[in-house]
C-alpha atoms as a PDB file:
ATOM      1  CA  ASN A   1      -9.298 -12.540   4.318  1.00  0.00           C
ATOM      2  CA  VAL A   2      -9.183  -8.976   3.052  1.00  0.00           C
ATOM      3  CA  SER A   3      -6.255  -6.574   3.168  1.00  0.00           C
ATOM      4  CA  VAL A   4      -5.802  -3.020   1.892  1.00  0.00           C
ATOM      5  CA  ARG A   5      -2.916  -1.187   0.204  1.00  0.00           C
ATOM      6  CA  THR A   6      -2.764   2.489  -0.689  1.00  0.00           C
ATOM      7  CA  VAL A   7      -0.721   3.917  -3.563  1.00  0.00           C
ATOM      8  CA  ILE A   8       0.244   7.531  -2.863  1.00  0.00           C
ATOM      9  CA  LEU A   9       2.018   9.336  -5.686  1.00  0.00           C
ATOM     10  CA  ASN A  10       3.865  12.638  -5.526  1.00  0.00           C
ATOM     11  CA  GLU A  11       2.597  15.664  -7.485  1.00  0.00           C
ATOM     12  CA  ASN A  12       4.252  14.727 -10.796  1.00  0.00           C
ATOM     13  CA  ARG A  13       3.184  11.070 -10.370  1.00  0.00           C
ATOM     14  CA  LYS A  14       6.775   9.839 -10.801  1.00  0.00           C
ATOM     15  CA  LYS A  15       7.373   8.785  -7.182  1.00  0.00           C
ATOM     16  CA  VAL A  16       5.452   6.544  -4.796  1.00  0.00           C
ATOM     17  CA  LEU A  17       5.296   6.688  -1.004  1.00  0.00           C
ATOM     18  CA  MET A  18       6.629   3.591   0.713  1.00  0.00           C
ATOM     19  CA  VAL A  19       7.106   2.546   4.319  1.00  0.00           C
ATOM     20  CA  ARG A  20       9.971   0.473   5.707  1.00  0.00           C
ATOM     21  CA  GLU A  21       9.089  -2.413   7.974  1.00  0.00           C
ATOM     22  CA  ALA A  22      11.170  -2.093  11.153  1.00  0.00           C
ATOM     23  CA  LYS A  23      11.550  -5.846  11.560  1.00  0.00           C
ATOM     24  CA  THR A  24      12.812  -6.727   8.058  1.00  0.00           C
ATOM     25  CA  GLN A  25      14.094  -3.327   6.811  1.00  0.00           C
ATOM     26  CA  ASP A  26      12.218  -3.890   3.527  1.00  0.00           C
ATOM     27  CA  TYR A  27       9.704  -1.477   1.976  1.00  0.00           C
ATOM     28  CA  SER A  28       6.055  -1.814   1.061  1.00  0.00           C
ATOM     29  CA  LEU A  29       3.036   0.267   0.206  1.00  0.00           C
ATOM     30  CA  PRO A  30       1.139   1.320   3.332  1.00  0.00           C
ATOM     31  CA  GLY A  31      -1.407  -1.348   4.139  1.00  0.00           C
ATOM     32  CA  GLY A  32      -2.436  -4.370   6.126  1.00  0.00           C
ATOM     33  CA  TRP A  33      -5.380  -6.473   7.166  1.00  0.00           C
ATOM     34  CA  ALA A  34      -8.767  -4.754   6.999  1.00  0.00           C
ATOM     35  CA  ASP A  35     -10.442  -4.551  10.396  1.00  0.00           C
ATOM     36  CA  LEU A  36     -13.806  -6.282  10.476  1.00  0.00           C
ATOM     37  CA  TYR A  37     -15.949  -3.269  11.371  1.00  0.00           C
ATOM     38  CA  ASP A  38     -14.168  -0.618   9.239  1.00  0.00           C
ATOM     39  CA  SER A  39     -15.284   0.303   5.764  1.00  0.00           C
ATOM     40  CA  PRO A  40     -12.614  -0.505   3.144  1.00  0.00           C
ATOM     41  CA  SER A  41     -11.598   3.142   2.745  1.00  0.00           C
ATOM     42  CA  GLU A  42     -11.438   3.622   6.529  1.00  0.00           C
ATOM     43  CA  ALA A  43      -9.179   0.569   6.795  1.00  0.00           C
ATOM     44  CA  ALA A  44      -6.878   2.096   4.150  1.00  0.00           C
ATOM     45  CA  LYS A  45      -6.830   5.462   5.948  1.00  0.00           C
ATOM     46  CA  ASN A  46      -6.083   3.767   9.280  1.00  0.00           C
ATOM     47  CA  GLU A  47      -3.156   1.835   7.818  1.00  0.00           C
ATOM     48  CA  CYS A  48      -1.710   5.040   6.310  1.00  0.00           C
ATOM     49  CA  ARG A  49      -2.010   6.809   9.685  1.00  0.00           C
ATOM     50  CA  GLN A  50      -0.398   3.912  11.513  1.00  0.00           C
ATOM     51  CA  GLU A  51       2.379   3.024   9.070  1.00  0.00           C
ATOM     52  CA  ALA A  52       3.187   6.307   7.281  1.00  0.00           C
ATOM     53  CA  GLY A  53       2.111   8.816   9.929  1.00  0.00           C
ATOM     54  CA  ALA A  54      -0.116  10.552   7.395  1.00  0.00           C
ATOM     55  CA  ASN A  55      -3.736  11.521   7.084  1.00  0.00           C
ATOM     56  CA  VAL A  56      -4.869  10.432   3.649  1.00  0.00           C
ATOM     57  CA  ASP A  57      -7.810  11.233   1.437  1.00  0.00           C
ATOM     58  CA  ILE A  58      -8.913   8.241  -0.612  1.00  0.00           C
ATOM     59  CA  ILE A  59      -9.255   9.293  -4.246  1.00  0.00           C
ATOM     60  CA  ARG A  60     -10.488   6.062  -5.804  1.00  0.00           C
ATOM     61  CA  LEU A  61     -10.542   2.314  -5.690  1.00  0.00           C
ATOM     62  CA  VAL A  62      -7.819   1.118  -8.053  1.00  0.00           C
ATOM     63  CA  GLY A  63      -8.937  -2.470  -7.865  1.00  0.00           C
ATOM     64  CA  VAL A  64      -9.176  -5.847  -6.217  1.00  0.00           C
ATOM     65  CA  MET A  65      -6.530  -8.541  -6.599  1.00  0.00           C
ATOM     66  CA  ASN A  66      -6.536 -12.163  -5.582  1.00  0.00           C
ATOM     67  CA  ARG A  67      -3.182 -12.417  -3.798  1.00  0.00           C
ATOM     68  CA  THR A  68      -3.443 -16.152  -3.147  1.00  0.00           C
ATOM     69  CA  PRO A  69      -1.612 -17.248  -6.356  1.00  0.00           C
ATOM     70  CA  PHE A  70       1.381 -15.069  -5.355  1.00  0.00           C
ATOM     71  CA  LYS A  71       1.692 -16.608  -1.893  1.00  0.00           C
ATOM     72  CA  ASN A  72       3.137 -19.887  -0.706  1.00  0.00           C
ATOM     73  CA  PRO A  73       0.711 -22.813  -0.301  1.00  0.00           C
ATOM     74  CA  THR A  74       0.606 -22.533   3.503  1.00  0.00           C
ATOM     75  CA  SER A  75      -0.319 -18.828   3.501  1.00  0.00           C
ATOM     76  CA  VAL A  76      -3.739 -17.445   4.299  1.00  0.00           C
ATOM     77  CA  PRO A  77      -5.943 -16.904   1.181  1.00  0.00           C
ATOM     78  CA  GLU A  78      -6.314 -13.189   0.559  1.00  0.00           C
ATOM     79  CA  TYR A  79      -7.957 -10.497  -1.532  1.00  0.00           C
ATOM     80  CA  VAL A  80      -6.325  -7.068  -1.479  1.00  0.00           C
ATOM     81  CA  LEU A  81      -8.242  -3.843  -2.098  1.00  0.00           C
ATOM     82  CA  ILE A  82      -5.985  -1.247  -3.713  1.00  0.00           C
ATOM     83  CA  PHE A  83      -6.700   2.449  -3.260  1.00  0.00           C
ATOM     84  CA  GLU A  84      -5.198   5.636  -4.615  1.00  0.00           C
ATOM     85  CA  GLY A  85      -4.687   8.189  -1.886  1.00  0.00           C
ATOM     86  CA  SER A  86      -3.300  11.671  -1.372  1.00  0.00           C
ATOM     87  CA  ILE A  87      -1.640  13.122   1.718  1.00  0.00           C
ATOM     88  CA  ARG A  88      -3.692  15.693   3.605  1.00  0.00           C
ATOM     89  CA  GLY A  89      -1.310  17.913   5.550  1.00  0.00           C
ATOM     90  CA  GLY A  90       2.113  16.793   6.674  1.00  0.00           C
ATOM     91  CA  PHE A  91       3.516  13.721   8.316  1.00  0.00           C
ATOM     92  CA  PHE A  92       3.456  12.909  12.034  1.00  0.00           C
ATOM     93  CA  GLU A  93       4.855  10.120  14.205  1.00  0.00           C
ATOM     94  CA  HIS A  94       4.012   6.655  12.899  1.00  0.00           C
ATOM     95  CA  GLU A  95       3.721   3.438  14.871  1.00  0.00           C
ATOM     96  CA  TYR A  96       6.469   1.003  15.816  1.00  0.00           C
ATOM     97  CA  GLU A  97       5.954  -1.410  12.886  1.00  0.00           C
ATOM     98  CA  THR A  98       7.642   1.009  10.477  1.00  0.00           C
ATOM     99  CA  ASP A  99      10.805   3.087  10.862  1.00  0.00           C
ATOM    100  CA  ASP A 100      11.063   5.030   7.599  1.00  0.00           C
ATOM    101  CA  VAL A 101       8.658   6.737   5.206  1.00  0.00           C
ATOM    102  CA  GLN A 102       9.741   8.234   1.904  1.00  0.00           C
ATOM    103  CA  TYR A 103       8.980   8.639  -1.773  1.00  0.00           C
ATOM    104  CA  PHE A 104      10.818   6.485  -4.307  1.00  0.00           C
ATOM    105  CA  ASP A 105      11.058   6.797  -8.063  1.00  0.00           C
ATOM    106  CA  ILE A 106       8.534   4.356  -9.549  1.00  0.00           C
ATOM    107  CA  ASP A 107      11.240   3.026 -11.881  1.00  0.00           C
ATOM    108  CA  ASN A 108      13.736   2.488  -9.051  1.00  0.00           C
ATOM    109  CA  LEU A 109      11.951   0.909  -6.102  1.00  0.00           C
ATOM    110  CA  PRO A 110      13.846  -0.087  -2.941  1.00  0.00           C
ATOM    111  CA  THR A 111      14.174  -3.637  -1.633  1.00  0.00           C
ATOM    112  CA  LEU A 112      10.587  -4.782  -1.236  1.00  0.00           C
ATOM    113  CA  SER A 113       8.976  -6.682   1.600  1.00  0.00           C
ATOM    114  CA  LYS A 114       8.437 -10.377   0.998  1.00  0.00           C
ATOM    115  CA  LYS A 115       4.804  -9.893   2.057  1.00  0.00           C
ATOM    116  CA  VAL A 116       3.889  -8.549  -1.402  1.00  0.00           C
ATOM    117  CA  SER A 117       5.726  -9.584  -4.577  1.00  0.00           C
ATOM    118  CA  LYS A 118       7.478  -7.072  -6.829  1.00  0.00           C
ATOM    119  CA  LYS A 119       5.123  -8.061  -9.649  1.00  0.00           C
ATOM    120  CA  GLU A 120       2.096  -7.202  -7.483  1.00  0.00           C
ATOM    121  CA  VAL A 121       3.531  -3.869  -6.304  1.00  0.00           C
ATOM    122  CA  GLU A 122       4.450  -2.842  -9.839  1.00  0.00           C
ATOM    123  CA  ARG A 123       0.971  -3.780 -11.062  1.00  0.00           C
ATOM    124  CA  MET A 124      -0.641  -1.671  -8.323  1.00  0.00           C
ATOM    125  CA  ILE A 125       1.564   1.341  -9.089  1.00  0.00           C
ATOM    126  CA  PHE A 126       1.172   1.019 -12.878  1.00  0.00           C
ATOM    127  CA  ALA A 127      -2.629   0.881 -12.624  1.00  0.00           C
ATOM    128  CA  THR A 128      -2.666   3.915 -10.331  1.00  0.00           C
ATOM    129  CA  VAL A 129      -0.356   6.022 -12.519  1.00  0.00           C
ATOM    130  CA  ASN A 130      -2.319   5.160 -15.657  1.00  0.00           C
ATOM    131  CA  GLY A 131      -5.823   5.534 -14.192  1.00  0.00           C
ATOM    132  CA  GLU A 132      -6.593   1.863 -14.812  1.00  0.00           C
ATOM    133  CA  ASN A 133      -8.499  -0.657 -12.721  1.00  0.00           C
ATOM    134  CA  ILE A 134      -7.285  -4.028 -11.476  1.00  0.00           C
ATOM    135  CA  PHE A 135      -9.547  -7.007 -11.007  1.00  0.00           C
ATOM    136  CA  ASP A 136      -8.831 -10.720 -10.537  1.00  0.00           C
END
């Protein structure tokens, strides 16, 4: 299975955009499962529209991570494609899965969703801030 996550930094690259999951009240980077017939970047844009209420330009592919080692043994095997994005225009109404969208200091992240580990999120943000690529 393939999922997407998009790292969106503010202008000074010190804060990252995160969305709060309505069900758990925990935060994550905008993302989710890639739809079968979407290109990877279209899947990332769709997730940002749905979860953050934002139109996003995809700047680059940050990398590909095998998420399976970070998950419990009964979870679905997964690769995640990580993109860097930038907001085009303002924010609009997002879908019901999320109930808050805001920027957080990259050194002081909120309580994170259990869907993606803190180690994974920090790795995605670090690679984006530093212009690096993730693989494996």
